[in-house]
Protein backbone atom coordinates (compact mmCIF):
# COMPACT_ATOMS: atom_id res chain seq x y z
CA MET A 1 -59.80 -1.57 32.66
CA TYR A 2 -62.52 -4.35 32.40
CA PRO A 3 -62.35 -7.42 34.63
CA ILE A 4 -61.30 -10.87 32.75
CA GLU A 5 -63.63 -13.55 34.20
CA GLY A 6 -63.64 -15.51 31.52
CA LYS A 7 -61.07 -17.22 29.08
CA LEU A 8 -58.37 -14.79 27.37
CA THR A 9 -56.57 -15.65 24.13
CA SER A 10 -54.00 -14.53 21.80
CA SER A 11 -53.70 -15.77 18.15
CA ALA A 12 -49.98 -15.12 17.09
CA MET A 13 -49.81 -12.75 13.97
CA PRO A 14 -46.63 -13.39 12.39
CA ALA A 15 -46.30 -11.06 9.60
CA SER A 16 -48.74 -8.40 10.76
CA ARG A 17 -48.18 -4.94 9.51
CA GLY A 18 -48.79 -3.72 13.21
CA ARG A 19 -46.42 -2.87 16.14
CA SER A 20 -49.36 -4.14 18.60
CA LEU A 21 -50.45 -7.00 20.33
CA VAL A 22 -54.12 -8.13 19.53
CA LEU A 23 -56.11 -10.04 22.26
CA ARG A 24 -59.76 -11.57 22.14
CA ALA A 25 -61.11 -12.02 25.26
CA ARG A 26 -64.44 -13.39 26.64
CA ILE A 27 -65.20 -10.59 29.21
CA HIS A 28 -68.43 -10.73 32.31
CA GLN A 29 -68.18 -14.27 32.26
CA GLY A 30 -68.20 -14.61 28.44
CA LYS A 31 -71.72 -12.91 27.94
CA ALA A 32 -69.22 -10.71 25.56
CA GLN A 33 -66.38 -10.32 23.03
CA LYS A 34 -63.55 -7.72 23.98
CA VAL A 35 -60.80 -7.62 22.16
CA VAL A 36 -58.11 -5.59 23.78
CA LYS A 37 -55.52 -3.79 21.83
CA ILE A 38 -51.93 -3.05 23.50
CA ALA A 39 -49.25 -0.66 21.48
CA LYS A 40 -46.81 2.38 23.06
CA ALA A 41 -49.18 4.58 24.63
CA HIS A 42 -48.82 7.87 21.70
CA ARG A 43 -50.36 5.48 19.66
CA VAL A 44 -53.27 4.46 22.05
CA ALA A 45 -54.20 8.36 22.80
CA HIS A 46 -53.57 8.98 19.15
CA GLU A 47 -56.08 6.13 18.46
CA SER A 48 -58.15 7.34 21.05
CA LYS A 49 -58.67 10.61 19.54
CA ASN A 50 -59.48 9.46 16.03
CA TYR A 51 -62.11 7.62 17.79
CA LYS A 52 -63.32 10.69 19.01
CA LYS A 53 -63.67 12.61 16.28
CA TYR A 54 -64.56 10.46 13.00
CA ILE A 55 -66.26 7.59 14.89
CA ALA A 56 -67.89 8.14 17.87
CA SER A 57 -70.30 11.19 16.94
CA ARG A 58 -71.29 9.09 13.32
CA ALA A 59 -74.09 7.20 12.79
CA LEU A 60 -72.50 3.98 12.02
CA GLY A 61 -75.60 1.93 11.71
CA GLN A 62 -76.53 -1.24 14.16
CA PHE A 63 -73.19 -3.27 13.09
CA HIS A 64 -70.68 -1.19 14.33
CA THR A 65 -67.43 -0.92 16.80
CA ARG A 66 -67.33 0.71 20.24
CA LEU A 67 -63.72 2.10 21.45
CA GLU A 68 -65.05 0.99 25.59
CA THR A 69 -61.70 2.36 27.32
CA THR A 70 -58.26 2.65 27.12
CA ALA A 71 -55.74 2.70 29.50
CA PHE A 72 -52.01 3.81 29.91
CA PHE A 73 -48.94 1.41 32.01
CA TRP A 74 -46.07 4.00 31.68
CA ASP A 75 -45.28 4.12 27.91
CA ALA A 76 -47.80 1.30 26.86
CA GLY A 77 -51.47 1.84 26.44
CA ALA A 78 -54.38 -0.78 25.85
CA SER A 79 -57.65 0.00 24.35
CA VAL A 80 -60.73 -2.23 25.11
CA TYR A 81 -63.15 -2.42 22.19
CA SER A 82 -66.38 -4.04 21.76
CA PHE A 83 -68.54 -5.45 19.08
CA LEU A 84 -72.47 -4.10 18.37
CA GLY A 85 -75.13 -5.95 16.35
CA GLU A 86 -77.84 -7.51 17.30
CA GLY A 87 -78.18 -9.10 20.80
CA ASP A 88 -74.48 -10.68 21.70
CA VAL A 89 -72.28 -10.64 18.59
CA LYS A 90 -70.47 -13.76 18.48
CA HIS A 91 -68.42 -16.52 16.10
CA LEU A 92 -66.55 -13.48 15.02
CA GLN A 93 -62.98 -14.29 12.92
CA ALA A 94 -60.48 -12.16 11.54
CA PHE A 95 -60.81 -11.14 8.19
CA ARG A 96 -57.17 -12.96 7.92
CA SER A 97 -59.08 -16.60 8.97
CA PHE A 98 -62.22 -16.10 7.10
CA TYR A 99 -60.04 -15.22 3.85
CA ALA A 100 -58.17 -18.65 4.09
CA ALA A 101 -61.06 -20.70 5.26
CA GLU A 102 -63.23 -19.39 2.71
CA GLN A 103 -63.67 -19.93 -1.30
CA ASP A 104 -66.61 -18.27 -3.21
CA ILE A 105 -65.23 -14.61 -4.18
CA ASP A 106 -68.88 -13.29 -3.34
CA ARG A 107 -69.08 -14.76 -0.35
CA LEU A 108 -65.42 -12.92 0.88
CA LEU A 109 -66.59 -9.60 -0.51
CA LYS A 110 -70.05 -9.38 1.47
CA PRO A 111 -68.40 -8.06 4.46
CA ILE A 112 -66.25 -5.46 2.73
CA ARG A 113 -69.05 -4.53 0.15
CA PHE A 114 -71.41 -4.06 4.06
CA TRP A 115 -68.17 -1.59 5.06
CA ARG A 116 -68.19 0.10 2.41
CA ASP A 117 -71.88 1.07 2.35
CA LEU A 118 -72.03 1.70 5.87
CA TRP A 119 -68.82 4.14 6.04
CA ARG A 120 -69.81 5.52 2.66
CA GLN A 121 -73.11 6.85 4.66
CA ALA A 122 -70.87 8.45 7.48
CA PHE A 123 -68.86 9.73 5.07
CA PRO A 124 -70.60 11.05 1.81
CA ARG A 125 -68.32 13.62 0.57
CA PHE A 126 -65.01 13.08 -1.46
CA THR A 127 -62.79 15.76 -1.41
CA THR A 128 -59.96 17.09 -3.84
CA THR A 129 -56.82 17.22 -2.43
CA THR A 130 -53.41 19.53 -4.10
CA CYS A 131 -51.20 17.35 -2.47
CA THR A 132 -49.01 15.13 -4.04
CA ILE A 133 -49.55 11.41 -3.74
CA PHE A 134 -46.49 10.86 -2.08
CA GLU A 135 -46.95 14.10 0.36
CA ALA A 136 -50.31 12.07 0.96
CA TYR A 137 -48.81 8.44 1.43
CA ASP A 138 -45.89 10.09 3.86
CA LYS A 139 -48.96 11.47 5.73
CA LEU A 140 -50.69 8.59 6.26
CA LEU A 141 -48.33 5.68 6.12
CA GLY A 142 -44.95 7.74 7.41
CA LEU A 143 -43.38 6.64 3.95
CA ASN A 144 -40.55 8.14 4.35
CA LYS A 145 -39.23 6.76 7.36
CA GLN A 146 -40.25 3.00 5.67
CA LEU A 147 -37.82 4.33 2.44
CA ALA A 148 -35.09 5.36 4.18
CA ARG A 149 -35.05 1.65 6.10
CA LEU A 150 -35.48 -0.56 2.86
CA ARG A 151 -32.40 1.73 1.19
CA GLU A 152 -30.09 0.34 4.02
CA HIS A 153 -31.82 -2.30 4.51
CA PRO A 154 -32.90 -3.55 0.78
CA VAL A 155 -34.89 -6.44 0.08
CA GLY A 156 -32.42 -9.48 -0.86
CA LEU A 157 -32.86 -9.94 -4.44
CA SER A 158 -30.27 -7.43 -6.17
CA ALA A 159 -28.80 -4.28 -6.22
CA GLU A 160 -31.71 -3.13 -7.95
CA PRO A 161 -33.48 -1.58 -4.92
CA PRO A 162 -31.44 1.75 -5.06
CA GLN A 163 -32.11 2.44 -8.45
CA LEU A 164 -36.13 1.48 -7.98
CA LEU A 165 -36.48 3.95 -5.40
CA GLN A 166 -34.13 6.73 -7.28
CA ARG A 167 -36.93 6.25 -10.24
CA ILE A 168 -40.07 6.44 -7.78
CA HIS A 169 -38.57 9.46 -6.00
CA ASP A 170 -37.93 11.13 -9.29
CA ARG A 171 -41.59 10.74 -10.84
CA MET A 172 -43.14 11.58 -7.62
CA ASN A 173 -41.68 14.84 -7.78
CA GLU A 174 -43.03 15.11 -11.49
CA LEU A 175 -46.38 14.43 -9.63
CA SER A 176 -46.92 18.38 -8.14
CA ASN A 177 -50.18 18.83 -9.33
CA TRP A 178 -51.69 15.93 -8.78
CA ARG A 179 -55.35 16.54 -7.79
CA GLY A 180 -56.73 12.91 -6.66
CA ALA A 181 -59.78 12.08 -4.47
CA ARG A 182 -59.69 12.11 -0.37
CA TRP A 183 -62.27 11.05 1.54
CA ILE A 184 -62.15 9.87 5.51
CA VAL A 185 -59.62 6.85 5.48
CA HIS A 186 -59.87 3.78 8.44
CA GLY A 187 -56.41 3.74 7.57
CA ASP A 188 -54.79 0.53 8.58
CA PHE A 189 -57.03 -1.68 6.87
CA HIS A 190 -55.62 -4.83 6.92
CA ALA A 191 -56.76 -8.30 7.63
CA ASP A 192 -55.86 -8.71 11.41
CA ASN A 193 -58.04 -5.45 12.18
CA LEU A 194 -61.32 -6.74 10.16
CA PHE A 195 -63.40 -8.50 11.90
CA THR A 196 -66.81 -10.80 10.70
CA ASP A 197 -69.71 -12.91 10.77
CA GLY A 198 -69.57 -13.71 7.28
CA ASP A 199 -72.30 -11.11 6.52
CA HIS A 200 -70.89 -8.03 8.77
CA LEU A 201 -67.82 -6.53 8.92
CA TRP A 202 -65.97 -5.24 12.41
CA LEU A 203 -63.00 -2.89 12.56
CA ILE A 204 -60.46 -1.92 15.10
CA ASP A 205 -57.23 0.51 15.76
CA PHE A 206 -58.25 3.69 14.28
CA GLU A 207 -55.14 5.35 15.30
CA ARG A 208 -54.45 6.43 11.44
CA THR A 209 -58.29 7.32 10.92
CA GLY A 210 -58.83 10.80 8.77
CA PRO A 211 -58.77 12.26 5.41
CA GLY A 212 -56.52 10.14 3.13
CA PRO A 213 -56.43 8.94 -0.60
CA ALA A 214 -59.53 7.39 -1.22
CA TYR A 215 -58.48 4.53 -2.55
CA ALA A 216 -55.95 3.75 0.27
CA ASP A 217 -58.08 0.99 2.39
CA PHE A 218 -58.71 -0.65 -1.04
CA CYS A 219 -55.27 -0.37 -2.05
CA GLU A 220 -54.25 -1.80 1.68
CA LEU A 221 -56.31 -5.02 1.55
CA GLU A 222 -55.02 -5.82 -1.82
CA ILE A 223 -51.37 -5.93 -0.98
CA ASP A 224 -52.72 -7.77 2.48
CA VAL A 225 -54.14 -10.35 0.07
CA VAL A 226 -51.33 -10.50 -2.23
CA THR A 227 -48.03 -10.53 -0.09
CA ARG A 228 -49.08 -11.67 2.95
CA LEU A 229 -52.60 -14.17 3.06
CA LEU A 230 -51.47 -15.39 -0.05
CA PRO A 231 -49.85 -18.97 1.68
CA SER A 232 -46.41 -19.14 1.32
CA THR A 233 -46.52 -22.44 -0.37
CA VAL A 234 -47.69 -20.66 -3.65
CA SER A 235 -45.15 -20.89 -6.14
CA SER A 236 -42.57 -17.85 -7.01
CA GLN A 237 -44.16 -18.29 -10.75
CA ASP A 238 -47.60 -18.64 -9.31
CA PHE A 239 -46.42 -14.95 -7.82
CA LEU A 240 -45.27 -13.30 -10.68
CA THR A 241 -48.03 -15.16 -12.80
CA LEU A 242 -50.38 -12.92 -10.49
CA THR A 243 -49.01 -9.78 -10.13
CA GLN A 244 -48.22 -9.47 -13.88
CA SER A 245 -51.81 -10.37 -14.11
CA LEU A 246 -52.77 -7.81 -11.27
CA ILE A 247 -50.89 -4.67 -13.18
CA ASP A 248 -52.83 -5.48 -15.96
CA PHE A 249 -56.20 -3.39 -14.79
CA ASP A 250 -58.66 -3.92 -18.37
CA ALA A 251 -57.27 -8.10 -18.10
CA ALA A 252 -59.85 -10.39 -17.50
CA ASP A 253 -58.96 -13.60 -18.43
CA GLU A 254 -57.60 -16.14 -15.89
CA PRO A 255 -54.04 -17.54 -16.72
CA PRO A 256 -53.77 -21.13 -17.15
CA GLY A 257 -51.75 -23.08 -14.65
CA LEU A 258 -52.44 -20.83 -11.71
CA SER A 259 -52.85 -22.49 -8.79
CA TRP A 260 -56.60 -22.68 -6.60
CA GLU A 261 -54.72 -20.17 -3.87
CA ALA A 262 -53.44 -17.64 -6.46
CA ASP A 263 -56.59 -17.94 -8.96
CA LYS A 264 -58.38 -16.79 -5.69
CA ALA A 265 -56.11 -13.95 -4.79
CA LEU A 266 -56.66 -12.76 -8.30
CA LYS A 267 -60.56 -12.32 -8.51
CA PHE A 268 -60.88 -11.09 -5.43
CA VAL A 269 -58.57 -8.46 -6.33
CA ARG A 270 -60.53 -7.65 -9.11
CA ALA A 271 -63.55 -8.19 -7.16
CA LEU A 272 -62.57 -5.94 -4.68
CA ARG A 273 -61.45 -2.99 -7.05
CA LYS A 274 -64.44 -2.41 -8.71
CA LEU A 275 -65.78 -1.73 -5.51
CA ALA A 276 -63.23 0.87 -4.83
CA PHE A 277 -63.64 2.16 -8.65
CA GLU A 278 -68.19 1.94 -8.35
CA THR A 279 -67.42 3.46 -4.83
CA THR A 280 -65.97 6.94 -5.75
CA ASN A 281 -68.08 7.05 -8.93
CA ARG A 282 -64.82 9.15 -10.54
CA GLN A 283 -63.11 7.81 -13.58
CA ASN A 284 -59.94 7.95 -14.90
CA GLN A 285 -59.14 6.88 -11.41
CA LEU A 286 -56.54 4.41 -12.76
CA PRO A 287 -53.28 6.56 -11.62
CA ASP A 288 -54.68 7.13 -8.31
CA TYR A 289 -54.85 3.13 -7.80
CA LEU A 290 -51.86 1.99 -8.90
CA TRP A 291 -50.03 4.64 -7.07
CA GLY A 292 -51.77 3.81 -4.21
CA LEU A 293 -50.89 0.30 -4.89
CA LEU A 294 -47.25 1.11 -4.69
CA CYS A 295 -47.07 3.39 -1.55
CA ASP A 296 -48.28 0.70 0.26
CA ALA A 297 -46.36 -2.27 -1.40
CA LEU A 298 -43.00 -0.31 -0.58
CA PHE A 299 -44.49 0.60 3.14
CA VAL A 300 -44.50 -3.17 3.85
CA ALA A 301 -41.20 -4.23 1.98
CA GLY A 302 -39.66 -1.70 4.03
CA MET A 303 -41.07 -2.66 7.61
CA ARG A 304 -38.85 -3.57 9.99
CA PRO A 305 -39.06 -7.52 11.10
CA ARG A 306 -39.82 -8.76 14.25
CA ALA A 307 -37.93 -11.75 15.91
CA ARG A 308 -41.34 -13.91 15.74
CA GLY A 309 -42.46 -15.57 12.33
CA LEU A 310 -39.11 -14.11 10.70
CA GLN A 311 -39.77 -16.39 7.68
CA GLU A 312 -43.21 -15.33 7.00
CA GLN A 313 -41.89 -11.36 7.28
CA MET A 314 -39.45 -12.22 4.77
CA ILE A 315 -41.78 -13.23 2.23
CA GLN A 316 -43.99 -10.70 2.64
CA ARG A 317 -41.04 -8.57 2.25
CA GLU A 318 -39.51 -9.53 -1.11
CA ARG A 319 -43.07 -10.13 -2.44
CA ALA A 320 -44.15 -6.59 -1.66
CA TRP A 321 -41.15 -5.36 -3.08
CA LEU A 322 -41.63 -7.61 -6.26
CA TYR A 323 -45.32 -6.45 -6.50
CA ALA A 324 -43.55 -2.55 -6.04
CA SER A 325 -41.16 -3.36 -9.08
CA ALA A 326 -44.10 -4.63 -11.53
CA LEU A 327 -46.26 -1.18 -10.58
CA SER A 328 -44.04 0.64 -10.94
CA ALA A 329 -43.23 -0.64 -14.43
CA GLN A 330 -46.67 -0.21 -15.15
CA ILE A 331 -47.14 3.27 -13.92
CA ASP A 332 -44.28 4.01 -16.29
CA ALA A 333 -46.12 2.32 -18.95
CA VAL A 334 -49.46 3.87 -18.44
CA GLN A 335 -48.03 7.61 -17.23
CA PRO A 336 -44.87 8.50 -19.57
CA ALA A 337 -42.77 10.60 -17.83
CA GLY A 338 -43.43 14.27 -18.58
CA ARG A 339 -47.54 13.15 -19.85
CA ARG A 340 -49.54 14.64 -16.24
């Protein structure tokens, strides 16, 4: 691994979706900025394999991330990433920090749009899969394990989780003939894996990169914004108003009295969805997107809490469960049982 000669800092990410530690470092006397990801050895090995298969061989333009090296220490591993651009890439921040500081929706979306354009050039083809939505997201996220954990340790809201999970499971079984769009997805597109200078976007962590549901990355970022990037100070009533507005994809109004943080999330998510549908250029894909959101919300609701940042994680899980409940009801309205 590289000798770290400069200042090594790590930022606490108490409610991050991952099971890894990410350190930002100045290496070689501060001339280059690196990110070091530490995780279990088998995950680092899988990440390296996917990077070589899907990323290293692609022409991703001047601005992209390079996996410099990996190293292993018994059952732990580390990946070292560098950021390529015009000269020395400086003043990068995680998208989580960028989202918190920036209020302009167009500026927030600019680096996401940059990534979309770059990714679409590298992976121009969309294919069609015959597997069910649940099978696709189970392969991507290990959703079965998350749902089992949610059944065993439901979010502390009510006795509803078992009934809702059974209803969702029954609906998923009805989708045996689902044929959705498939694309090469990053697979872990949350705000701690995205770095930006305000114009461009750099990605790390390619452990889940590969063929997957075309909207998976967009859905994951939406769930991250709604459940984690939205400040914990936003009231429960504002959160419910926000989610009710978001499940109606045709709505364009802004609910009166919504806090500025919730209003910002509403506008950003609507802009993100527009970008997603522009990306696939496909019509009538609303069910795919709704199911993608539901699967990702259930994944977050089923995450195992960690000791550090427990309160933030519980807020994230409860929000994910509430959003999943609302999404499930909307799916029932958009896709009545038996009509596929």
